[in-house]
């Protein structure tokens, strides 16, 4: 997950979705739209899935009714945890420099 992290970064959104449990492509797209308000087109979604799988951050499960679910791997959990930590630190610094305090989410 090198480079600038954006809240609409497809790999980051996919890992976040899969952290809640395995999902197939359509389920990922719906979950991401729900929690992030981002609509990923099929090319973007499946391109990111392919790259995440190639990097060992997610893995496919056995197909169910012609749909292939994916799950996050241990390496994917570590990558997501690192990204979330970095984003949290950046948000805290940005908030401090803007003069406001971030409220903890529940």
C-alpha atoms as a PDB file:
ATOM      1  CA  UNK A   1       0.000   0.000   0.000  1.00  0.00           C
ATOM      2  CA  UNK A   2       2.768   2.395  -0.975  1.00  0.00           C
ATOM      3  CA  UNK A   3       2.081   5.970  -1.966  1.00  0.00           C
ATOM      4  CA  UNK A   4      -0.585   8.432  -1.008  1.00  0.00           C
ATOM      5  CA  UNK A   5      -3.529   6.943   0.790  1.00  0.00           C
ATOM      6  CA  UNK A   6      -6.880   8.282  -0.264  1.00  0.00           C
ATOM      7  CA  UNK A   7     -10.141   7.412   1.386  1.00  0.00           C
ATOM      8  CA  UNK A   8     -11.429   6.339  -2.042  1.00  0.00           C
ATOM      9  CA  UNK A   9      -8.427   4.107  -2.826  1.00  0.00           C
ATOM     10  CA  UNK A  10      -9.935   0.850  -4.184  1.00  0.00           C
ATOM     11  CA  UNK A  11      -7.415  -1.541  -2.559  1.00  0.00           C
ATOM     12  CA  UNK A  12      -7.851   0.165   0.802  1.00  0.00           C
ATOM     13  CA  UNK A  13     -11.653   0.050   0.481  1.00  0.00           C
ATOM     14  CA  UNK A  14     -11.591  -3.631  -0.483  1.00  0.00           C
ATOM     15  CA  UNK A  15      -9.332  -4.570   2.434  1.00  0.00           C
ATOM     16  CA  UNK A  16     -11.556  -2.593   4.799  1.00  0.00           C
ATOM     17  CA  UNK A  17     -14.641  -4.382   3.520  1.00  0.00           C
ATOM     18  CA  UNK A  18     -13.023  -7.821   3.743  1.00  0.00           C
ATOM     19  CA  UNK A  19     -11.883  -7.116   7.306  1.00  0.00           C
ATOM     20  CA  UNK A  20     -15.566  -7.621   8.233  1.00  0.00           C
ATOM     21  CA  UNK A  21     -15.661 -11.024   6.517  1.00  0.00           C
ATOM     22  CA  UNK A  22     -15.481 -12.720   3.095  1.00  0.00           C
ATOM     23  CA  UNK A  23     -17.442 -11.243   0.202  1.00  0.00           C
ATOM     24  CA  UNK A  24     -17.797 -11.715  -3.543  1.00  0.00           C
ATOM     25  CA  UNK A  25     -17.378  -8.829  -5.981  1.00  0.00           C
ATOM     26  CA  UNK A  26     -20.970  -7.591  -5.887  1.00  0.00           C
ATOM     27  CA  UNK A  27     -21.036  -7.814  -2.088  1.00  0.00           C
ATOM     28  CA  UNK A  28     -17.789  -5.838  -1.922  1.00  0.00           C
ATOM     29  CA  UNK A  29     -19.161  -3.121  -4.199  1.00  0.00           C
ATOM     30  CA  UNK A  30     -22.363  -2.782  -2.140  1.00  0.00           C
ATOM     31  CA  UNK A  31     -20.517  -2.755   1.195  1.00  0.00           C
ATOM     32  CA  UNK A  32     -18.016  -0.155  -0.027  1.00  0.00           C
ATOM     33  CA  UNK A  33     -20.819   2.042  -1.327  1.00  0.00           C
ATOM     34  CA  UNK A  34     -22.547   1.708   2.060  1.00  0.00           C
ATOM     35  CA  UNK A  35     -19.622   2.548   4.363  1.00  0.00           C
ATOM     36  CA  UNK A  36     -17.603   4.876   2.111  1.00  0.00           C
ATOM     37  CA  UNK A  37     -20.136   6.307  -0.324  1.00  0.00           C
ATOM     38  CA  UNK A  38     -17.877   5.233  -3.198  1.00  0.00           C
ATOM     39  CA  UNK A  39     -19.188   3.391  -6.252  1.00  0.00           C
ATOM     40  CA  UNK A  40     -16.496   1.201  -7.793  1.00  0.00           C
ATOM     41  CA  UNK A  41     -17.041   0.188 -11.396  1.00  0.00           C
ATOM     42  CA  UNK A  42     -16.427  -3.447 -12.328  1.00  0.00           C
ATOM     43  CA  UNK A  43     -13.099  -2.698 -14.035  1.00  0.00           C
ATOM     44  CA  UNK A  44     -11.794  -0.786 -11.036  1.00  0.00           C
ATOM     45  CA  UNK A  45     -13.100  -3.347  -8.541  1.00  0.00           C
ATOM     46  CA  UNK A  46     -11.832  -6.467 -10.275  1.00  0.00           C
ATOM     47  CA  UNK A  47      -8.547  -4.836 -11.287  1.00  0.00           C
ATOM     48  CA  UNK A  48      -7.893  -3.995  -7.625  1.00  0.00           C
ATOM     49  CA  UNK A  49      -8.961  -7.491  -6.540  1.00  0.00           C
ATOM     50  CA  UNK A  50      -6.471  -8.995  -8.997  1.00  0.00           C
ATOM     51  CA  UNK A  51      -3.629  -6.789  -7.725  1.00  0.00           C
ATOM     52  CA  UNK A  52      -4.463  -7.527  -4.076  1.00  0.00           C
ATOM     53  CA  UNK A  53      -4.553 -11.255  -4.811  1.00  0.00           C
ATOM     54  CA  UNK A  54      -1.223 -11.082  -6.670  1.00  0.00           C
ATOM     55  CA  UNK A  55       0.314  -9.346  -3.643  1.00  0.00           C
ATOM     56  CA  UNK A  56      -1.043 -11.995  -1.265  1.00  0.00           C
ATOM     57  CA  UNK A  57      -3.263  -9.531   0.602  1.00  0.00           C
ATOM     58  CA  UNK A  58      -6.493 -11.347  -0.248  1.00  0.00           C
ATOM     59  CA  UNK A  59      -7.297 -14.863  -1.394  1.00  0.00           C
ATOM     60  CA  UNK A  60     -10.205 -16.416  -3.259  1.00  0.00           C
ATOM     61  CA  UNK A  61     -12.456 -18.949  -1.610  1.00  0.00           C
ATOM     62  CA  UNK A  62     -14.421 -21.719  -3.279  1.00  0.00           C
ATOM     63  CA  UNK A  63     -17.067 -20.365  -5.653  1.00  0.00           C
ATOM     64  CA  UNK A  64     -20.649 -20.209  -4.389  1.00  0.00           C
ATOM     65  CA  UNK A  65     -23.455 -20.099  -6.973  1.00  0.00           C
ATOM     66  CA  UNK A  66     -21.025 -18.925  -9.682  1.00  0.00           C
ATOM     67  CA  UNK A  67     -19.726 -16.139  -7.412  1.00  0.00           C
ATOM     68  CA  UNK A  68     -16.195 -16.226  -6.055  1.00  0.00           C
ATOM     69  CA  UNK A  69     -15.844 -14.783  -2.558  1.00  0.00           C
ATOM     70  CA  UNK A  70     -12.555 -13.388  -1.289  1.00  0.00           C
ATOM     71  CA  UNK A  71     -11.094 -13.060   2.176  1.00  0.00           C
ATOM     72  CA  UNK A  72      -8.364 -10.940   3.639  1.00  0.00           C
ATOM     73  CA  UNK A  73      -5.100 -12.736   4.484  1.00  0.00           C
ATOM     74  CA  UNK A  74      -2.818 -12.171   7.464  1.00  0.00           C
ATOM     75  CA  UNK A  75      -0.607 -10.032   5.221  1.00  0.00           C
ATOM     76  CA  UNK A  76      -3.710  -8.078   4.179  1.00  0.00           C
ATOM     77  CA  UNK A  77      -4.666  -7.480   7.807  1.00  0.00           C
ATOM     78  CA  UNK A  78      -1.151  -6.202   8.511  1.00  0.00           C
ATOM     79  CA  UNK A  79      -1.227  -3.918   5.451  1.00  0.00           C
ATOM     80  CA  UNK A  80      -4.644  -2.545   6.418  1.00  0.00           C
ATOM     81  CA  UNK A  81      -3.572  -2.011  10.034  1.00  0.00           C
ATOM     82  CA  UNK A  82      -0.507  -0.104   8.854  1.00  0.00           C
ATOM     83  CA  UNK A  83      -2.555   2.063   6.484  1.00  0.00           C
ATOM     84  CA  UNK A  84      -5.184   2.802   9.144  1.00  0.00           C
ATOM     85  CA  UNK A  85      -2.497   3.722  11.686  1.00  0.00           C
ATOM     86  CA  UNK A  86      -0.813   6.079   9.216  1.00  0.00           C
ATOM     87  CA  UNK A  87      -4.133   7.693   8.262  1.00  0.00           C
ATOM     88  CA  UNK A  88      -5.069   8.097  11.929  1.00  0.00           C
ATOM     89  CA  UNK A  89      -1.756   9.804  12.677  1.00  0.00           C
ATOM     90  CA  UNK A  90      -2.153  12.103   9.685  1.00  0.00           C
ATOM     91  CA  UNK A  91      -5.725  12.956  10.698  1.00  0.00           C
ATOM     92  CA  UNK A  92      -4.619  13.806  14.231  1.00  0.00           C
ATOM     93  CA  UNK A  93      -1.809  16.064  12.982  1.00  0.00           C
ATOM     94  CA  UNK A  94      -4.076  17.721  10.421  1.00  0.00           C
ATOM     95  CA  UNK A  95      -6.807  18.281  13.006  1.00  0.00           C
ATOM     96  CA  UNK A  96      -4.323  19.719  15.476  1.00  0.00           C
ATOM     97  CA  UNK A  97      -2.910  22.107  12.889  1.00  0.00           C
ATOM     98  CA  UNK A  98      -6.423  23.187  11.971  1.00  0.00           C
ATOM     99  CA  UNK A  99      -7.176  23.809  15.626  1.00  0.00           C
ATOM    100  CA  UNK A 100      -9.815  21.212  16.333  1.00  0.00           C
ATOM    101  CA  UNK A 101      -9.963  17.903  18.156  1.00  0.00           C
ATOM    102  CA  UNK A 102     -11.117  14.698  16.544  1.00  0.00           C
ATOM    103  CA  UNK A 103     -13.833  12.966  18.529  1.00  0.00           C
ATOM    104  CA  UNK A 104     -13.318   9.235  19.054  1.00  0.00           C
ATOM    105  CA  UNK A 105     -15.739   7.174  17.019  1.00  0.00           C
ATOM    106  CA  UNK A 106     -17.819   4.504  18.695  1.00  0.00           C
END
